[in-house]
Full PDB file with SEQRES, HELIX, SHEET, SSBOND, CRYST1, ORIGX, SCALE, CONECT and MASTER records, all heavy atoms in Angstrom:
SEQRES   1 A   41  LEU GLY VAL VAL LYS LEU ILE ASN ALA VAL VAL ASP ALA          
SEQRES   2 A   41  GLU PHE ALA THR VAL TYR THR VAL THR ASP GLU VAL ILE          
SEQRES   3 A   41  ASP SER SER ALA TRP ALA ALA ALA ASN GLU GLY ASN ALA          
SEQRES   4 A   41  ILE ASP                                                      
HELIX    1 AA1 ASP A   23  ILE A   26  1                                   4    
HELIX    2 AA2 ALA A   34  GLY A   37  5                                   4    
SHEET    1 AA1 2 GLY A   2  ASN A   8  0                                        
SHEET    2 AA1 2 ALA A  13  VAL A  21 -1                                        
CRYST1    1.000    1.000    1.000  90.00  90.00  90.00 P 1           1          
ORIGX1      1.000000  0.000000  0.000000        0.00000                         
ORIGX2      0.000000  1.000000  0.000000        0.00000                         
ORIGX3      0.000000  0.000000  1.000000        0.00000                         
SCALE1      1.000000  0.000000  0.000000        0.00000                         
SCALE2      0.000000  1.000000  0.000000        0.00000                         
SCALE3      0.000000  0.000000  1.000000        0.00000                         
ATOM      1  N   LEU A   1       8.396  -1.708  -7.030  1.00  0.00           N  
ATOM      2  CA  LEU A   1       7.126  -1.024  -6.687  1.00  0.00           C  
ATOM      3  C   LEU A   1       6.202  -1.776  -5.779  1.00  0.00           C  
ATOM      4  O   LEU A   1       6.032  -3.004  -5.978  1.00  0.00           O  
ATOM      5  CB  LEU A   1       6.313  -0.726  -8.027  1.00  0.00           C  
ATOM      6  CG  LEU A   1       5.001   0.036  -7.838  1.00  0.00           C  
ATOM      7  CD1 LEU A   1       5.244   1.415  -7.397  1.00  0.00           C  
ATOM      8  CD2 LEU A   1       4.264  -0.029  -9.109  1.00  0.00           C  
ATOM      9  N   GLY A   2       5.891  -1.187  -4.672  1.00  0.00           N  
ATOM     10  CA  GLY A   2       4.945  -1.777  -3.789  1.00  0.00           C  
ATOM     11  C   GLY A   2       3.497  -1.205  -3.778  1.00  0.00           C  
ATOM     12  O   GLY A   2       3.341  -0.002  -4.068  1.00  0.00           O  
ATOM     13  N   VAL A   3       2.459  -2.149  -3.687  1.00  0.00           N  
ATOM     14  CA  VAL A   3       1.157  -1.591  -3.820  1.00  0.00           C  
ATOM     15  C   VAL A   3       0.258  -2.275  -2.747  1.00  0.00           C  
ATOM     16  O   VAL A   3       0.585  -3.475  -2.442  1.00  0.00           O  
ATOM     17  CB  VAL A   3       0.432  -1.652  -5.222  1.00  0.00           C  
ATOM     18  CG1 VAL A   3       1.171  -0.772  -6.169  1.00  0.00           C  
ATOM     19  CG2 VAL A   3       0.342  -3.095  -5.593  1.00  0.00           C  
ATOM     20  N   VAL A   4      -0.773  -1.647  -2.209  1.00  0.00           N  
ATOM     21  CA  VAL A   4      -1.757  -2.280  -1.422  1.00  0.00           C  
ATOM     22  C   VAL A   4      -3.032  -2.229  -2.241  1.00  0.00           C  
ATOM     23  O   VAL A   4      -3.465  -1.170  -2.668  1.00  0.00           O  
ATOM     24  CB  VAL A   4      -1.950  -1.638  -0.165  1.00  0.00           C  
ATOM     25  CG1 VAL A   4      -2.940  -2.242   0.727  1.00  0.00           C  
ATOM     26  CG2 VAL A   4      -0.567  -1.587   0.664  1.00  0.00           C  
ATOM     27  N   LYS A   5      -3.520  -3.513  -2.390  1.00  0.00           N  
ATOM     28  CA  LYS A   5      -4.817  -3.651  -3.279  1.00  0.00           C  
ATOM     29  C   LYS A   5      -5.890  -3.940  -2.193  1.00  0.00           C  
ATOM     30  O   LYS A   5      -5.761  -4.761  -1.262  1.00  0.00           O  
ATOM     31  CB  LYS A   5      -4.623  -4.622  -4.209  1.00  0.00           C  
ATOM     32  CG  LYS A   5      -3.612  -4.431  -5.238  1.00  0.00           C  
ATOM     33  CD  LYS A   5      -3.374  -5.486  -6.259  1.00  0.00           C  
ATOM     34  CE  LYS A   5      -2.297  -5.350  -7.171  1.00  0.00           C  
ATOM     35  NZ  LYS A   5      -2.205  -6.421  -8.155  1.00  0.00           N  
ATOM     36  N   LEU A   6      -7.129  -3.437  -2.724  1.00  0.00           N  
ATOM     37  CA  LEU A   6      -8.401  -3.776  -1.886  1.00  0.00           C  
ATOM     38  C   LEU A   6      -8.973  -4.917  -2.872  1.00  0.00           C  
ATOM     39  O   LEU A   6      -9.216  -4.595  -3.963  1.00  0.00           O  
ATOM     40  CB  LEU A   6      -9.245  -2.567  -1.826  1.00  0.00           C  
ATOM     41  CG  LEU A   6     -10.345  -2.514  -0.741  1.00  0.00           C  
ATOM     42  CD1 LEU A   6      -9.759  -2.809   0.613  1.00  0.00           C  
ATOM     43  CD2 LEU A   6     -10.961  -1.183  -0.779  1.00  0.00           C  
ATOM     44  N   ILE A   7      -9.279  -6.040  -2.243  1.00  0.00           N  
ATOM     45  CA  ILE A   7      -9.828  -7.115  -2.950  1.00  0.00           C  
ATOM     46  C   ILE A   7     -11.245  -7.581  -2.496  1.00  0.00           C  
ATOM     47  O   ILE A   7     -11.495  -7.623  -1.286  1.00  0.00           O  
ATOM     48  CB  ILE A   7      -8.919  -8.515  -2.760  1.00  0.00           C  
ATOM     49  CG1 ILE A   7      -7.446  -8.156  -3.014  1.00  0.00           C  
ATOM     50  CG2 ILE A   7      -9.416  -9.687  -3.627  1.00  0.00           C  
ATOM     51  CD1 ILE A   7      -7.236  -7.822  -4.532  1.00  0.00           C  
ATOM     52  N   ASN A   8     -12.184  -7.749  -3.447  1.00  0.00           N  
ATOM     53  CA  ASN A   8     -13.507  -8.122  -3.111  1.00  0.00           C  
ATOM     54  C   ASN A   8     -13.401  -9.648  -2.731  1.00  0.00           C  
ATOM     55  O   ASN A   8     -13.119 -10.480  -3.527  1.00  0.00           O  
ATOM     56  CB  ASN A   8     -14.443  -7.928  -4.381  1.00  0.00           C  
ATOM     57  CG  ASN A   8     -15.892  -8.303  -4.032  1.00  0.00           C  
ATOM     58  OD1 ASN A   8     -16.069  -9.416  -3.489  1.00  0.00           O  
ATOM     59  ND2 ASN A   8     -16.723  -7.453  -4.288  1.00  0.00           N  
ATOM     60  N   ALA A   9     -13.711  -9.917  -1.492  1.00  0.00           N  
ATOM     61  CA  ALA A   9     -13.484 -11.280  -0.979  1.00  0.00           C  
ATOM     62  C   ALA A   9     -14.520 -12.260  -1.656  1.00  0.00           C  
ATOM     63  O   ALA A   9     -14.408 -13.410  -1.664  1.00  0.00           O  
ATOM     64  CB  ALA A   9     -13.539 -11.318   0.486  1.00  0.00           C  
ATOM     65  N   VAL A  10     -15.625 -11.753  -1.976  1.00  0.00           N  
ATOM     66  CA  VAL A  10     -16.696 -12.620  -2.681  1.00  0.00           C  
ATOM     67  C   VAL A  10     -16.388 -13.160  -3.889  1.00  0.00           C  
ATOM     68  O   VAL A  10     -16.534 -14.360  -4.218  1.00  0.00           O  
ATOM     69  CB  VAL A  10     -18.054 -11.891  -2.605  1.00  0.00           C  
ATOM     70  CG1 VAL A  10     -19.153 -12.787  -3.243  1.00  0.00           C  
ATOM     71  CG2 VAL A  10     -18.545 -11.393  -1.300  1.00  0.00           C  
ATOM     72  N   VAL A  11     -15.870 -12.237  -4.770  1.00  0.00           N  
ATOM     73  CA  VAL A  11     -15.409 -12.750  -6.122  1.00  0.00           C  
ATOM     74  C   VAL A  11     -13.995 -12.819  -6.359  1.00  0.00           C  
ATOM     75  O   VAL A  11     -13.554 -13.106  -7.469  1.00  0.00           O  
ATOM     76  CB  VAL A  11     -16.199 -11.823  -7.214  1.00  0.00           C  
ATOM     77  CG1 VAL A  11     -17.680 -12.007  -7.106  1.00  0.00           C  
ATOM     78  CG2 VAL A  11     -15.632 -10.354  -7.073  1.00  0.00           C  
ATOM     79  N   ASP A  12     -13.276 -12.618  -5.332  1.00  0.00           N  
ATOM     80  CA  ASP A  12     -11.882 -12.715  -5.350  1.00  0.00           C  
ATOM     81  C   ASP A  12     -11.103 -11.936  -6.449  1.00  0.00           C  
ATOM     82  O   ASP A  12     -10.373 -12.363  -7.285  1.00  0.00           O  
ATOM     83  CB  ASP A  12     -11.327 -14.218  -5.458  1.00  0.00           C  
ATOM     84  CG  ASP A  12      -9.853 -14.326  -5.031  1.00  0.00           C  
ATOM     85  OD1 ASP A  12      -9.286 -13.527  -4.231  1.00  0.00           O  
ATOM     86  OD2 ASP A  12      -9.156 -15.208  -5.593  1.00  0.00           O  
ATOM     87  N   ALA A  13     -11.648 -10.541  -6.587  1.00  0.00           N  
ATOM     88  CA  ALA A  13     -11.151  -9.754  -7.609  1.00  0.00           C  
ATOM     89  C   ALA A  13     -10.637  -8.382  -7.092  1.00  0.00           C  
ATOM     90  O   ALA A  13     -11.423  -7.796  -6.138  1.00  0.00           O  
ATOM     91  CB  ALA A  13     -12.184  -9.549  -8.694  1.00  0.00           C  
ATOM     92  N   GLU A  14      -9.629  -7.814  -7.599  1.00  0.00           N  
ATOM     93  CA  GLU A  14      -9.239  -6.496  -7.134  1.00  0.00           C  
ATOM     94  C   GLU A  14     -10.228  -5.411  -7.649  1.00  0.00           C  
ATOM     95  O   GLU A  14     -10.735  -5.453  -8.821  1.00  0.00           O  
ATOM     96  CB  GLU A  14      -7.837  -6.224  -7.804  1.00  0.00           C  
ATOM     97  CG  GLU A  14      -7.312  -4.829  -7.527  1.00  0.00           C  
ATOM     98  CD  GLU A  14      -6.093  -4.478  -8.177  1.00  0.00           C  
ATOM     99  OE1 GLU A  14      -5.469  -5.369  -8.767  1.00  0.00           O  
ATOM    100  OE2 GLU A  14      -5.670  -3.225  -8.283  1.00  0.00           O  
ATOM    101  N   PHE A  15     -10.510  -4.437  -6.804  1.00  0.00           N  
ATOM    102  CA  PHE A  15     -11.341  -3.381  -7.312  1.00  0.00           C  
ATOM    103  C   PHE A  15     -10.697  -1.982  -6.948  1.00  0.00           C  
ATOM    104  O   PHE A  15     -11.305  -0.975  -7.320  1.00  0.00           O  
ATOM    105  CB  PHE A  15     -12.774  -3.480  -6.875  1.00  0.00           C  
ATOM    106  CG  PHE A  15     -13.133  -3.369  -5.382  1.00  0.00           C  
ATOM    107  CD1 PHE A  15     -13.326  -2.205  -4.777  1.00  0.00           C  
ATOM    108  CD2 PHE A  15     -13.137  -4.602  -4.681  1.00  0.00           C  
ATOM    109  CE1 PHE A  15     -13.704  -2.282  -3.413  1.00  0.00           C  
ATOM    110  CE2 PHE A  15     -13.486  -4.586  -3.430  1.00  0.00           C  
ATOM    111  CZ  PHE A  15     -13.773  -3.229  -2.741  1.00  0.00           C  
ATOM    112  N   ALA A  16      -9.503  -1.871  -6.304  1.00  0.00           N  
ATOM    113  CA  ALA A  16      -8.921  -0.620  -5.982  1.00  0.00           C  
ATOM    114  C   ALA A  16      -7.531  -0.944  -5.581  1.00  0.00           C  
ATOM    115  O   ALA A  16      -7.218  -1.788  -4.776  1.00  0.00           O  
ATOM    116  CB  ALA A  16      -9.748   0.163  -4.945  1.00  0.00           C  
ATOM    117  N   THR A  17      -6.637  -0.053  -5.885  1.00  0.00           N  
ATOM    118  CA  THR A  17      -5.285   0.105  -5.385  1.00  0.00           C  
ATOM    119  C   THR A  17      -5.365   1.308  -4.431  1.00  0.00           C  
ATOM    120  O   THR A  17      -5.715   2.442  -4.839  1.00  0.00           O  
ATOM    121  CB  THR A  17      -4.202   0.253  -6.439  1.00  0.00           C  
ATOM    122  OG1 THR A  17      -4.160  -0.733  -7.309  1.00  0.00           O  
ATOM    123  CG2 THR A  17      -2.850   0.491  -5.818  1.00  0.00           C  
ATOM    124  N   VAL A  18      -5.016   1.042  -3.099  1.00  0.00           N  
ATOM    125  CA  VAL A  18      -5.252   2.091  -2.086  1.00  0.00           C  
ATOM    126  C   VAL A  18      -3.884   2.632  -1.674  1.00  0.00           C  
ATOM    127  O   VAL A  18      -4.047   3.699  -0.873  1.00  0.00           O  
ATOM    128  CB  VAL A  18      -6.147   1.588  -0.927  1.00  0.00           C  
ATOM    129  CG1 VAL A  18      -7.561   1.381  -1.387  1.00  0.00           C  
ATOM    130  CG2 VAL A  18      -5.408   0.329  -0.269  1.00  0.00           C  
ATOM    131  N   TYR A  19      -2.875   2.113  -2.043  1.00  0.00           N  
ATOM    132  CA  TYR A  19      -1.608   2.649  -1.697  1.00  0.00           C  
ATOM    133  C   TYR A  19      -0.486   2.221  -2.742  1.00  0.00           C  
ATOM    134  O   TYR A  19      -0.552   1.033  -3.148  1.00  0.00           O  
ATOM    135  CB  TYR A  19      -1.125   2.097  -0.278  1.00  0.00           C  
ATOM    136  CG  TYR A  19       0.184   2.631   0.269  1.00  0.00           C  
ATOM    137  CD1 TYR A  19       0.271   3.790   0.797  1.00  0.00           C  
ATOM    138  CD2 TYR A  19       1.138   1.684   0.314  1.00  0.00           C  
ATOM    139  CE1 TYR A  19       1.589   4.305   1.290  1.00  0.00           C  
ATOM    140  CE2 TYR A  19       2.440   2.143   0.815  1.00  0.00           C  
ATOM    141  CZ  TYR A  19       2.514   3.363   1.393  1.00  0.00           C  
ATOM    142  OH  TYR A  19       3.784   3.864   1.947  1.00  0.00           O  
ATOM    143  N   THR A  20       0.415   3.111  -2.936  1.00  0.00           N  
ATOM    144  CA  THR A  20       1.572   2.875  -3.935  1.00  0.00           C  
ATOM    145  C   THR A  20       2.773   3.489  -3.295  1.00  0.00           C  
ATOM    146  O   THR A  20       2.779   4.621  -2.998  1.00  0.00           O  
ATOM    147  CB  THR A  20       1.261   3.333  -5.339  1.00  0.00           C  
ATOM    148  OG1 THR A  20       0.082   2.941  -5.825  1.00  0.00           O  
ATOM    149  CG2 THR A  20       2.378   2.966  -6.264  1.00  0.00           C  
ATOM    150  N   VAL A  21       3.876   2.621  -3.377  1.00  0.00           N  
ATOM    151  CA  VAL A  21       5.178   3.198  -2.907  1.00  0.00           C  
ATOM    152  C   VAL A  21       6.263   2.696  -3.757  1.00  0.00           C  
ATOM    153  O   VAL A  21       6.239   1.510  -4.362  1.00  0.00           O  
ATOM    154  CB  VAL A  21       5.305   2.786  -1.362  1.00  0.00           C  
ATOM    155  CG1 VAL A  21       5.473   1.177  -1.310  1.00  0.00           C  
ATOM    156  CG2 VAL A  21       6.549   3.411  -0.758  1.00  0.00           C  
ATOM    157  N   THR A  22       7.181   3.583  -4.117  1.00  0.00           N  
ATOM    158  CA  THR A  22       8.274   3.262  -4.878  1.00  0.00           C  
ATOM    159  C   THR A  22       9.616   2.759  -4.134  1.00  0.00           C  
ATOM    160  O   THR A  22       9.625   2.961  -2.838  1.00  0.00           O  
ATOM    161  CB  THR A  22       8.729   4.553  -5.727  1.00  0.00           C  
ATOM    162  OG1 THR A  22       9.314   5.477  -4.866  1.00  0.00           O  
ATOM    163  CG2 THR A  22       7.631   5.015  -6.515  1.00  0.00           C  
ATOM    164  N   ASP A  23      10.607   2.258  -4.805  1.00  0.00           N  
ATOM    165  CA  ASP A  23      11.756   1.881  -4.088  1.00  0.00           C  
ATOM    166  C   ASP A  23      12.390   2.975  -3.344  1.00  0.00           C  
ATOM    167  O   ASP A  23      13.127   2.750  -2.382  1.00  0.00           O  
ATOM    168  CB  ASP A  23      12.749   1.288  -5.189  1.00  0.00           C  
ATOM    169  CG  ASP A  23      13.161   2.350  -6.119  1.00  0.00           C  
ATOM    170  OD1 ASP A  23      12.425   2.670  -7.010  1.00  0.00           O  
ATOM    171  OD2 ASP A  23      14.405   2.921  -6.020  1.00  0.00           O  
ATOM    172  N   GLU A  24      12.375   4.175  -3.740  1.00  0.00           N  
ATOM    173  CA  GLU A  24      12.959   5.336  -3.035  1.00  0.00           C  
ATOM    174  C   GLU A  24      12.413   5.428  -1.615  1.00  0.00           C  
ATOM    175  O   GLU A  24      13.161   5.948  -0.779  1.00  0.00           O  
ATOM    176  CB  GLU A  24      12.750   6.553  -3.897  1.00  0.00           C  
ATOM    177  CG  GLU A  24      13.405   6.542  -5.236  1.00  0.00           C  
ATOM    178  CD  GLU A  24      12.931   7.770  -6.092  1.00  0.00           C  
ATOM    179  OE1 GLU A  24      12.059   8.456  -5.756  1.00  0.00           O  
ATOM    180  OE2 GLU A  24      13.584   7.794  -7.196  1.00  0.00           O  
ATOM    181  N   VAL A  25      11.076   5.086  -1.416  1.00  0.00           N  
ATOM    182  CA  VAL A  25      10.596   5.213  -0.064  1.00  0.00           C  
ATOM    183  C   VAL A  25      10.842   3.944   0.812  1.00  0.00           C  
ATOM    184  O   VAL A  25      11.281   4.151   1.941  1.00  0.00           O  
ATOM    185  CB  VAL A  25       9.107   5.473  -0.235  1.00  0.00           C  
ATOM    186  CG1 VAL A  25       8.390   5.496   1.148  1.00  0.00           C  
ATOM    187  CG2 VAL A  25       8.891   6.750  -0.876  1.00  0.00           C  
ATOM    188  N   ILE A  26      10.743   2.759   0.236  1.00  0.00           N  
ATOM    189  CA  ILE A  26      10.789   1.654   1.077  1.00  0.00           C  
ATOM    190  C   ILE A  26      12.345   0.997   1.062  1.00  0.00           C  
ATOM    191  O   ILE A  26      12.442   0.049   1.935  1.00  0.00           O  
ATOM    192  CB  ILE A  26       9.861   0.514   0.625  1.00  0.00           C  
ATOM    193  CG1 ILE A  26      10.135   0.143  -0.824  1.00  0.00           C  
ATOM    194  CG2 ILE A  26       8.389   0.872   0.843  1.00  0.00           C  
ATOM    195  CD1 ILE A  26       9.175  -1.111  -1.292  1.00  0.00           C  
ATOM    196  N   ASP A  27      13.264   1.621   0.455  1.00  0.00           N  
ATOM    197  CA  ASP A  27      14.524   1.050   0.375  1.00  0.00           C  
ATOM    198  C   ASP A  27      15.289   1.636   1.645  1.00  0.00           C  
ATOM    199  O   ASP A  27      16.090   2.462   1.516  1.00  0.00           O  
ATOM    200  CB  ASP A  27      15.334   1.425  -0.927  1.00  0.00           C  
ATOM    201  CG  ASP A  27      16.609   0.604  -0.947  1.00  0.00           C  
ATOM    202  OD1 ASP A  27      16.820  -0.431  -0.177  1.00  0.00           O  
ATOM    203  OD2 ASP A  27      17.416   0.933  -1.838  1.00  0.00           O  
ATOM    204  N   SER A  28      14.771   1.143   2.858  1.00  0.00           N  
ATOM    205  CA  SER A  28      15.390   1.745   4.038  1.00  0.00           C  
ATOM    206  C   SER A  28      15.274   0.579   5.059  1.00  0.00           C  
ATOM    207  O   SER A  28      14.276  -0.054   5.033  1.00  0.00           O  
ATOM    208  CB  SER A  28      14.614   2.912   4.499  1.00  0.00           C  
ATOM    209  OG  SER A  28      14.877   3.215   5.848  1.00  0.00           O  
ATOM    210  N   SER A  29      16.231   0.483   5.969  1.00  0.00           N  
ATOM    211  CA  SER A  29      16.110  -0.388   7.024  1.00  0.00           C  
ATOM    212  C   SER A  29      15.282   0.171   8.201  1.00  0.00           C  
ATOM    213  O   SER A  29      14.913  -0.620   9.125  1.00  0.00           O  
ATOM    214  CB  SER A  29      17.450  -0.774   7.538  1.00  0.00           C  
ATOM    215  OG  SER A  29      18.195   0.266   7.965  1.00  0.00           O  
ATOM    216  N   ALA A  30      15.034   1.346   8.202  1.00  0.00           N  
ATOM    217  CA  ALA A  30      14.277   2.043   9.358  1.00  0.00           C  
ATOM    218  C   ALA A  30      12.747   1.835   9.072  1.00  0.00           C  
ATOM    219  O   ALA A  30      12.255   2.032   7.901  1.00  0.00           O  
ATOM    220  CB  ALA A  30      14.455   3.481   9.369  1.00  0.00           C  
ATOM    221  N   TRP A  31      11.914   1.431  10.005  1.00  0.00           N  
ATOM    222  CA  TRP A  31      10.502   1.367  10.014  1.00  0.00           C  
ATOM    223  C   TRP A  31      10.020   2.669   9.791  1.00  0.00           C  
ATOM    224  O   TRP A  31      10.278   3.521  10.540  1.00  0.00           O  
ATOM    225  CB  TRP A  31      10.032   0.567  11.221  1.00  0.00           C  
ATOM    226  CG  TRP A  31      10.241  -0.848  11.061  1.00  0.00           C  
ATOM    227  CD1 TRP A  31      11.315  -1.491  11.759  1.00  0.00           C  
ATOM    228  CD2 TRP A  31       9.572  -1.856  10.502  1.00  0.00           C  
ATOM    229  NE1 TRP A  31      11.183  -2.914  11.462  1.00  0.00           N  
ATOM    230  CE2 TRP A  31      10.191  -3.079  10.613  1.00  0.00           C  
ATOM    231  CE3 TRP A  31       8.324  -1.867   9.589  1.00  0.00           C  
ATOM    232  CZ2 TRP A  31       9.693  -4.335  10.078  1.00  0.00           C  
ATOM    233  CZ3 TRP A  31       7.902  -3.005   9.065  1.00  0.00           C  
ATOM    234  CH2 TRP A  31       8.624  -4.181   9.333  1.00  0.00           C  
ATOM    235  N   ALA A  32       8.945   2.794   8.982  1.00  0.00           N  
ATOM    236  CA  ALA A  32       8.257   4.029   8.734  1.00  0.00           C  
ATOM    237  C   ALA A  32       6.807   3.759   8.771  1.00  0.00           C  
ATOM    238  O   ALA A  32       6.260   2.793   8.167  1.00  0.00           O  
ATOM    239  CB  ALA A  32       8.701   4.662   7.562  1.00  0.00           C  
ATOM    240  N   ALA A  33       6.058   4.745   9.257  1.00  0.00           N  
ATOM    241  CA  ALA A  33       4.528   4.607   9.189  1.00  0.00           C  
ATOM    242  C   ALA A  33       4.221   4.918   7.794  1.00  0.00           C  
ATOM    243  O   ALA A  33       4.676   5.808   7.058  1.00  0.00           O  
ATOM    244  CB  ALA A  33       3.825   5.562  10.145  1.00  0.00           C  
ATOM    245  N   ALA A  34       3.181   4.194   7.225  1.00  0.00           N  
ATOM    246  CA  ALA A  34       2.719   4.454   5.914  1.00  0.00           C  
ATOM    247  C   ALA A  34       2.152   5.827   5.729  1.00  0.00           C  
ATOM    248  O   ALA A  34       1.615   6.392   6.535  1.00  0.00           O  
ATOM    249  CB  ALA A  34       1.521   3.436   5.592  1.00  0.00           C  
ATOM    250  N   ASN A  35       2.395   6.405   4.514  1.00  0.00           N  
ATOM    251  CA  ASN A  35       1.938   7.808   4.222  1.00  0.00           C  
ATOM    252  C   ASN A  35       2.327   8.671   5.206  1.00  0.00           C  
ATOM    253  O   ASN A  35       1.535   9.647   5.593  1.00  0.00           O  
ATOM    254  CB  ASN A  35       0.430   7.751   3.994  1.00  0.00           C  
ATOM    255  CG  ASN A  35       0.084   7.043   2.718  1.00  0.00           C  
ATOM    256  OD1 ASN A  35       0.675   6.838   1.867  1.00  0.00           O  
ATOM    257  ND2 ASN A  35      -1.218   6.517   2.744  1.00  0.00           N  
ATOM    258  N   GLU A  36       3.560   8.650   5.876  1.00  0.00           N  
ATOM    259  CA  GLU A  36       3.946   9.604   6.934  1.00  0.00           C  
ATOM    260  C   GLU A  36       2.882   9.589   8.013  1.00  0.00           C  
ATOM    261  O   GLU A  36       2.739  10.648   8.594  1.00  0.00           O  
ATOM    262  CB  GLU A  36       4.351  10.915   6.389  1.00  0.00           C  
ATOM    263  CG  GLU A  36       5.344  10.728   5.200  1.00  0.00           C  
ATOM    264  CD  GLU A  36       5.731  12.070   4.599  1.00  0.00           C  
ATOM    265  OE1 GLU A  36       5.062  13.152   4.924  1.00  0.00           O  
ATOM    266  OE2 GLU A  36       6.574  12.139   3.709  1.00  0.00           O  
ATOM    267  N   GLY A  37       2.390   8.499   8.474  1.00  0.00           N  
ATOM    268  CA  GLY A  37       1.492   8.471   9.653  1.00  0.00           C  
ATOM    269  C   GLY A  37       0.056   8.700   9.314  1.00  0.00           C  
ATOM    270  O   GLY A  37      -0.793   8.561  10.104  1.00  0.00           O  
ATOM    271  N   ASN A  38      -0.271   8.956   8.043  1.00  0.00           N  
ATOM    272  CA  ASN A  38      -1.717   9.139   7.756  1.00  0.00           C  
ATOM    273  C   ASN A  38      -2.360   7.874   7.431  1.00  0.00           C  
ATOM    274  O   ASN A  38      -1.636   6.997   6.765  1.00  0.00           O  
ATOM    275  CB  ASN A  38      -1.810  10.129   6.518  1.00  0.00           C  
ATOM    276  CG  ASN A  38      -1.307  11.566   6.873  1.00  0.00           C  
ATOM    277  OD1 ASN A  38      -1.566  12.012   7.932  1.00  0.00           O  
ATOM    278  ND2 ASN A  38      -0.534  12.161   5.890  1.00  0.00           N  
ATOM    279  N   ALA A  39      -3.605   7.759   7.591  1.00  0.00           N  
ATOM    280  CA  ALA A  39      -4.376   6.551   7.259  1.00  0.00           C  
ATOM    281  C   ALA A  39      -4.636   6.343   5.829  1.00  0.00           C  
ATOM    282  O   ALA A  39      -4.676   7.415   5.076  1.00  0.00           O  
ATOM    283  CB  ALA A  39      -5.677   6.448   8.066  1.00  0.00           C  
ATOM    284  N   ILE A  40      -4.589   5.151   5.290  1.00  0.00           N  
ATOM    285  CA  ILE A  40      -4.933   4.832   4.004  1.00  0.00           C  
ATOM    286  C   ILE A  40      -6.501   4.858   3.720  1.00  0.00           C  
ATOM    287  O   ILE A  40      -7.202   4.288   4.730  1.00  0.00           O  
ATOM    288  CB  ILE A  40      -4.272   3.504   3.531  1.00  0.00           C  
ATOM    289  CG1 ILE A  40      -2.830   3.625   3.570  1.00  0.00           C  
ATOM    290  CG2 ILE A  40      -4.931   3.108   2.149  1.00  0.00           C  
ATOM    291  CD1 ILE A  40      -2.145   2.291   3.329  1.00  0.00           C  
ATOM    292  N   ASP A  41      -6.946   5.399   2.813  1.00  0.00           N  
ATOM    293  CA  ASP A  41      -8.430   5.378   2.637  1.00  0.00           C  
ATOM    294  C   ASP A  41      -8.928   4.166   2.139  1.00  0.00           C  
ATOM    295  O   ASP A  41      -8.573   3.788   0.956  1.00  0.00           O  
ATOM    296  CB  ASP A  41      -8.731   6.633   1.640  1.00  0.00           C  
ATOM    297  CG  ASP A  41     -10.221   6.858   1.454  1.00  0.00           C  
ATOM    298  OD1 ASP A  41     -11.059   6.194   2.167  1.00  0.00           O  
ATOM    299  OD2 ASP A  41     -10.544   7.696   0.649  1.00  0.00           O  
TER     300      ASP A  41                                                      
MASTER        0    0    0    2    2    0    0    6  299    1    0    4          
END                                                                             
């Protein structure tokens, strides 16, 4: 499982997971845009 976390830099603590991806999506040698080209919030 891959995740992108948003970290508060002042207190060095996670406060949100903004993206999650499973092996089924990232198990590829082809480069792909995250979220099929949509921006992560």
